[in-house]
Structures are given as structure tokens and as C-alpha cells.
Amino acid sequence: MGAKVASIRHEGGRVTSIGTLGAGGARSFEADQFILSMPLQETVLAFDPPLPAAAVEAARALRYRDFLTIALVVEGENPFPDNWIYIHEPEVKMGRIQNFKNWSEAMVGRPGTTCLGLEYFCFAGDGLWTAPDSELIELGKRELAQLGLVKAGQIRGGTVVRVEKAYPVYGPGYQAHLDVIRLELAKFPNLHVIGRNGMHKYNNQDHSMMTAMLAVRNLEGGAFNLWNVNSDAEYHEEASGADRSGRRMPESLDPAR
């Protein structure tokens, strides 16, 4: 919404308001409950007053992998029937190609064309990330031709989309850092972190959506442990004795488990 969360204010073991910075200047939003999907590192570092030093240190130790997509409009026949192709060829830099037309014809506005998203995994600030869009588009054209998928002359335009912190890195010691942060955030019952970035957890889209849905149900009196999503099958309410899905109920909502 064009604003960045700059501060998470708290008092007496509860989050009281969120401070944001945007084009309209600084604003403050008070609420009874807060659901955050921003990167977990940024969440911890935004607390005002700051969280204990151990949590701050753990948050600073979290690492992320960044990501950019070179989207190219291709004229002619659809070059392949797959939604995604993973690239293992060591001679090119791209890691994956996405064919948007194969997701839905509605994603391609011009008949006789398709749009390919060439995906590159990088770190913000490195050579790929900082390269001008024009150079990246030319790189994409060359690599498509090199792979034998699309001739350079079929490309009719392109654009570049960069996404910071697209992937949480599971580096040495990351789980210990997460444990410290989880224990600290558990002290704020009206704060709920969700999603891949919000939980520093390599969730797929459906798992991320599940954490959001269960967070809302918790606001309505549920007792779901969101950290169990995509860890095991125990997504369901501890309070219910019935196994309505064939899955075991979570035994504990203790954030340390």
C-alpha cells in the first residue's frame, strides 16, 4: 500500500500500534490484533522499544536469497507446454523458466504471443541485481537462444522485476536463531507472523495461505500452532477432540516445540 512498517510499538506484553513511512509521511495504526507477513528479520528489528539483545542478534543473523525475473514477450508458437522448466545447464545463469501462457491464456494479452519469465537467483547488490534492465533483457535473449528454446528474433520486448528477500536461507545455525525469536515473539499474544517471509520458513504458496487462514481463525478463538504448517500434519485445533481430517491434533501450542 505504498508504506513501509517502520516501528512496532508495544507495552505490557502487547503490541499497541504500527508506525509506517510512505509518500504521505509518517502514520500510526492502532489495533487489537496484528498479522505480519513482512520479513521476520525486519519484524524483530522494528520493535520499539527493542526486543532483548539475544533476539535482535538472532534476527540480524538471518539471511535471504534475492530473485529477479526477466519477462520476455515471444512471438510465434508456444515454445513448450510446461508451466516451469528448471535449468541445469551450467553454461547459463538462469535457474528456471516460467511460461505464463501455460498458467492461463488470460495472462497474455496479445494473440500469437506468449510471455516467458526467466528466473535468476541472486543477492541484492551483486552483479546480476545491479545490472541495467536493458543488459538483463539481452542476457535473457542470449540464454534462451543458447538453450535452443527461442530464437532471439522472436523476442518482442521485455521487462525486469526484482524481489528482495524472496527466499529465506537455511544456513548453519538458522534454526537456533529462529527458536530464540519464536520464544520472544510468543510473549506478544496479539502479534501473529505468517507466510514464507513472516516466519522465515520455506513455505509454498498454499502453505503460506494456510498460515494466514489459521491466523484469522485464531483471532476468532482458535488454537492453531501456525509453526506446524508445512512441518507436519498437525494443523488442527488442540481444543477439538475429534480428528476431522484423519490427521493428529497438535499436542501443544508451546512455541518451543
Protein backbone atom coordinates (compact mmCIF):
# COMPACT_ATOMS: atom_id res chain seq x y z
CA MET A 1 0.00 0.00 0.00
CA GLY A 2 2.95 2.28 -0.62
CA ALA A 3 4.11 2.39 3.00
CA LYS A 4 6.86 0.63 4.93
CA VAL A 5 6.45 -0.59 8.51
CA ALA A 6 9.00 1.43 10.45
CA SER A 7 8.10 0.56 14.03
CA ILE A 8 6.15 -1.98 16.06
CA ARG A 9 5.24 -0.31 19.34
CA HIS A 10 4.44 -2.39 22.38
CA GLU A 11 3.64 -2.04 26.07
CA GLY A 12 2.81 -4.50 28.82
CA GLY A 13 3.35 -7.60 26.68
CA ARG A 14 1.09 -6.46 23.83
CA VAL A 15 1.66 -4.72 20.53
CA THR A 16 -0.19 -1.42 20.64
CA SER A 17 0.40 0.18 17.24
CA ILE A 18 2.31 0.05 13.96
CA GLY A 19 4.20 3.07 12.65
CA THR A 20 4.63 3.41 8.88
CA LEU A 21 6.52 5.65 6.47
CA GLY A 22 5.23 6.36 2.98
CA ALA A 23 4.61 9.04 0.40
CA GLY A 24 2.14 10.67 2.76
CA GLY A 25 4.68 10.80 5.57
CA ALA A 26 4.59 9.01 8.91
CA ARG A 27 1.38 7.38 10.11
CA SER A 28 0.35 5.28 13.09
CA PHE A 29 -2.21 2.46 13.18
CA GLU A 30 -3.64 1.18 16.45
CA ALA A 31 -5.40 -2.19 16.67
CA ASP A 32 -6.25 -5.06 19.00
CA GLN A 33 -4.54 -7.71 16.82
CA PHE A 34 -1.71 -7.58 14.29
CA ILE A 35 -0.89 -10.03 11.48
CA LEU A 36 2.51 -9.52 9.86
CA SER A 37 3.89 -11.10 6.68
CA MET A 38 6.94 -8.82 6.40
CA PRO A 39 10.39 -10.47 6.68
CA LEU A 40 10.91 -11.86 10.17
CA GLN A 41 14.24 -10.09 10.43
CA GLU A 42 12.59 -6.72 9.79
CA THR A 43 9.78 -7.54 12.21
CA VAL A 44 12.16 -8.15 15.11
CA LEU A 45 14.29 -5.10 14.32
CA ALA A 46 11.22 -2.83 14.13
CA PHE A 47 10.16 -3.35 17.76
CA ASP A 48 10.02 -0.13 19.78
CA PRO A 49 11.31 -0.39 22.44
CA PRO A 50 13.73 -3.01 21.10
CA LEU A 51 13.43 -6.67 21.95
CA PRO A 52 16.18 -8.24 24.12
CA ALA A 53 19.66 -8.31 22.63
CA ALA A 54 19.57 -12.07 22.01
CA ALA A 55 16.52 -11.75 19.75
CA VAL A 56 17.99 -8.77 17.90
CA GLU A 57 21.25 -10.65 17.36
CA ALA A 58 19.34 -13.71 16.13
CA ALA A 59 17.34 -11.57 13.68
CA ARG A 60 20.46 -9.94 12.29
CA ALA A 61 21.93 -13.41 11.67
CA LEU A 62 19.05 -14.46 9.38
CA ARG A 63 19.96 -14.45 5.70
CA TYR A 64 17.94 -14.20 2.50
CA ARG A 65 18.32 -15.01 -1.19
CA ASP A 66 17.02 -12.43 -3.65
CA PHE A 67 15.41 -13.03 -7.00
CA LEU A 68 14.73 -11.36 -10.33
CA THR A 69 12.56 -12.26 -13.29
CA ILE A 70 13.29 -11.22 -16.87
CA ALA A 71 9.89 -11.32 -18.59
CA LEU A 72 10.14 -11.61 -22.39
CA VAL A 73 7.31 -11.43 -24.94
CA VAL A 74 7.80 -14.16 -27.55
CA GLU A 75 6.07 -14.21 -30.94
CA GLY A 76 5.13 -17.41 -32.71
CA GLU A 77 4.24 -20.85 -31.47
CA ASN A 78 4.26 -21.56 -27.77
CA PRO A 79 7.83 -22.82 -27.25
CA PHE A 80 6.98 -25.54 -24.69
CA PRO A 81 3.93 -26.97 -22.88
CA ASP A 82 5.24 -26.84 -19.30
CA ASN A 83 4.42 -24.23 -16.65
CA TRP A 84 8.01 -24.29 -15.38
CA ILE A 85 11.29 -25.68 -16.63
CA TYR A 86 14.22 -25.99 -14.23
CA ILE A 87 17.55 -25.27 -15.93
CA HIS A 88 20.57 -27.37 -15.01
CA GLU A 89 22.83 -26.20 -17.83
CA PRO A 90 26.00 -24.79 -16.18
CA GLU A 91 26.74 -22.51 -19.13
CA VAL A 92 23.80 -20.19 -18.38
CA LYS A 93 22.90 -18.14 -15.31
CA MET A 94 19.12 -18.66 -15.29
CA GLY A 95 17.72 -21.17 -12.83
CA ARG A 96 14.16 -21.60 -14.09
CA ILE A 97 11.80 -20.53 -16.89
CA GLN A 98 8.11 -19.89 -16.31
CA ASN A 99 5.62 -19.88 -19.18
CA PHE A 100 2.79 -17.58 -18.13
CA LYS A 101 0.55 -18.54 -21.05
CA ASN A 102 0.51 -22.12 -19.79
CA TRP A 103 -0.87 -20.92 -16.48
CA SER A 104 -3.68 -19.04 -18.22
CA GLU A 105 -4.33 -17.55 -21.64
CA ALA A 106 -5.65 -14.52 -19.77
CA MET A 107 -2.10 -13.71 -18.63
CA VAL A 108 -1.06 -12.96 -22.21
CA GLY A 109 -2.86 -10.04 -23.79
CA ARG A 110 -1.74 -10.32 -27.41
CA PRO A 111 -2.76 -13.25 -29.65
CA GLY A 112 0.10 -15.16 -31.22
CA THR A 113 2.49 -14.43 -28.36
CA THR A 114 3.45 -15.84 -25.01
CA CYS A 115 5.39 -14.42 -22.08
CA LEU A 116 8.33 -16.27 -20.59
CA GLY A 117 9.63 -15.39 -17.15
CA LEU A 118 13.35 -16.17 -16.91
CA GLU A 119 14.18 -16.56 -13.22
CA TYR A 120 17.56 -15.71 -11.73
CA PHE A 121 18.61 -16.29 -8.13
CA CYS A 122 20.98 -13.65 -6.80
CA PHE A 123 21.83 -11.39 -3.87
CA ALA A 124 20.77 -7.74 -3.73
CA GLY A 125 23.79 -5.68 -4.70
CA ASP A 126 25.59 -8.31 -6.77
CA GLY A 127 26.33 -8.05 -10.50
CA LEU A 128 23.05 -9.52 -11.64
CA TRP A 129 20.93 -7.44 -9.28
CA THR A 130 22.56 -4.13 -10.20
CA ALA A 131 22.78 -4.71 -13.96
CA PRO A 132 20.64 -2.30 -16.02
CA ASP A 133 17.33 -3.71 -17.24
CA SER A 134 18.46 -3.40 -20.85
CA GLU A 135 21.50 -5.63 -20.18
CA LEU A 136 19.41 -8.19 -18.35
CA ILE A 137 16.89 -8.38 -21.21
CA GLU A 138 19.75 -9.01 -23.65
CA LEU A 139 21.14 -11.67 -21.29
CA GLY A 140 17.76 -13.38 -21.28
CA LYS A 141 17.56 -13.34 -25.07
CA ARG A 142 21.03 -14.85 -25.42
CA GLU A 143 20.40 -17.59 -22.88
CA LEU A 144 17.05 -18.59 -24.41
CA ALA A 145 18.75 -18.91 -27.79
CA GLN A 146 21.69 -20.77 -26.24
CA LEU A 147 19.28 -23.32 -24.75
CA GLY A 148 17.60 -23.75 -28.15
CA LEU A 149 14.18 -22.75 -26.84
CA VAL A 150 13.56 -19.40 -28.58
CA LYS A 151 15.41 -17.55 -31.35
CA ALA A 152 16.49 -14.01 -30.48
CA GLY A 153 14.47 -12.65 -33.41
CA GLN A 154 11.22 -13.87 -31.84
CA ILE A 155 11.55 -11.58 -28.81
CA ARG A 156 9.31 -8.52 -29.00
CA GLY A 157 10.05 -6.76 -25.73
CA GLY A 158 10.73 -7.39 -22.08
CA THR A 159 10.84 -6.07 -18.56
CA VAL A 160 12.65 -6.91 -15.30
CA VAL A 161 11.07 -7.46 -11.87
CA ARG A 162 13.32 -7.63 -8.78
CA VAL A 163 12.17 -9.19 -5.50
CA GLU A 164 14.21 -8.73 -2.34
CA LYS A 165 14.24 -11.44 0.35
CA ALA A 166 12.37 -13.87 -1.89
CA TYR A 167 13.85 -16.93 -0.19
CA PRO A 168 14.76 -17.46 3.48
CA VAL A 169 18.19 -19.08 3.67
CA TYR A 170 18.51 -22.23 5.75
CA GLY A 171 22.11 -21.58 6.71
CA PRO A 172 24.17 -23.04 9.58
CA GLY A 173 22.51 -22.25 12.90
CA TYR A 174 19.39 -20.70 11.40
CA GLN A 175 17.03 -22.93 13.41
CA ALA A 176 18.65 -21.88 16.69
CA HIS A 177 18.17 -18.23 15.69
CA LEU A 178 14.51 -18.94 14.88
CA ASP A 179 13.98 -20.63 18.24
CA VAL A 180 15.23 -17.53 20.07
CA ILE A 181 12.95 -15.27 18.02
CA ARG A 182 9.90 -17.52 18.39
CA LEU A 183 10.22 -17.62 22.16
CA GLU A 184 10.42 -13.84 22.29
CA LEU A 185 7.51 -13.21 19.93
CA ALA A 186 5.35 -15.70 21.86
CA LYS A 187 5.29 -13.14 24.66
CA PHE A 188 3.02 -10.98 22.48
CA PRO A 189 -0.28 -12.87 22.12
CA ASN A 190 -1.79 -10.28 19.78
CA LEU A 191 1.03 -10.49 17.21
CA HIS A 192 0.79 -13.18 14.53
CA VAL A 193 3.54 -13.76 11.95
CA ILE A 194 2.54 -15.59 8.76
CA GLY A 195 3.86 -16.70 5.39
CA ARG A 196 7.26 -17.50 3.96
CA ASN A 197 8.92 -14.23 4.91
CA GLY A 198 6.94 -13.65 8.05
CA MET A 199 8.06 -16.96 9.54
CA HIS A 200 11.42 -17.31 7.74
CA LYS A 201 10.14 -20.64 6.52
CA TYR A 202 10.41 -22.02 3.00
CA ASN A 203 6.66 -22.45 2.56
CA ASN A 204 4.95 -22.92 -0.76
CA GLN A 205 2.11 -20.58 -1.67
CA ASP A 206 -0.57 -22.94 -0.33
CA HIS A 207 1.25 -23.32 2.99
CA SER A 208 1.65 -19.55 3.26
CA MET A 209 -2.05 -19.07 2.62
CA MET A 210 -2.82 -21.72 5.22
CA THR A 211 -0.86 -19.82 7.90
CA ALA A 212 -2.89 -16.69 7.10
CA MET A 213 -6.21 -18.55 7.21
CA LEU A 214 -5.39 -20.20 10.52
CA ALA A 215 -4.18 -16.89 11.98
CA VAL A 216 -7.62 -15.43 11.26
CA ARG A 217 -9.29 -18.43 12.86
CA ASN A 218 -7.10 -17.89 15.93
CA LEU A 219 -8.50 -14.35 16.14
CA GLU A 220 -11.93 -15.98 16.33
CA GLY A 221 -10.96 -18.21 19.25
CA GLY A 222 -8.98 -20.95 17.53
CA ALA A 223 -5.85 -22.53 18.98
CA PHE A 224 -3.74 -23.36 15.95
CA ASN A 225 0.04 -23.54 16.05
CA LEU A 226 1.00 -21.81 12.81
CA TRP A 227 4.56 -23.07 13.04
CA ASN A 228 3.31 -26.61 12.44
CA VAL A 229 2.15 -25.75 8.93
CA ASN A 230 4.47 -27.48 6.47
CA SER A 231 6.38 -29.07 9.36
CA ASP A 232 3.96 -31.93 9.95
CA ALA A 233 0.28 -32.67 9.52
CA GLU A 234 -0.77 -31.25 12.89
CA TYR A 235 -2.60 -28.13 11.74
CA HIS A 236 -5.72 -28.66 13.80
CA GLU A 237 -7.10 -27.22 16.98
CA GLU A 238 -5.88 -28.62 20.25
CA ALA A 239 -9.27 -27.90 21.81
CA SER A 240 -11.06 -30.31 19.49
CA GLY A 241 -11.02 -33.97 20.48
CA ALA A 242 -12.29 -35.12 17.09
CA ASP A 243 -9.95 -35.89 14.25
CA ARG A 244 -11.99 -34.45 11.41
CA SER A 245 -9.34 -34.83 8.72
CA GLY A 246 -7.53 -38.06 9.52
CA ARG A 247 -4.61 -36.06 10.95
CA ARG A 248 -3.47 -35.98 14.56
CA MET A 249 -4.24 -32.95 16.67
CA PRO A 250 -1.33 -30.79 17.88
CA GLU A 251 -0.30 -31.83 21.35
CA SER A 252 0.97 -28.44 22.40
CA LEU A 253 0.99 -24.80 21.39
CA ASP A 254 4.28 -24.31 23.23
CA PRO A 255 6.37 -22.26 20.74
CA ALA A 256 9.48 -24.14 21.79
CA ARG A 257 8.07 -27.40 20.37
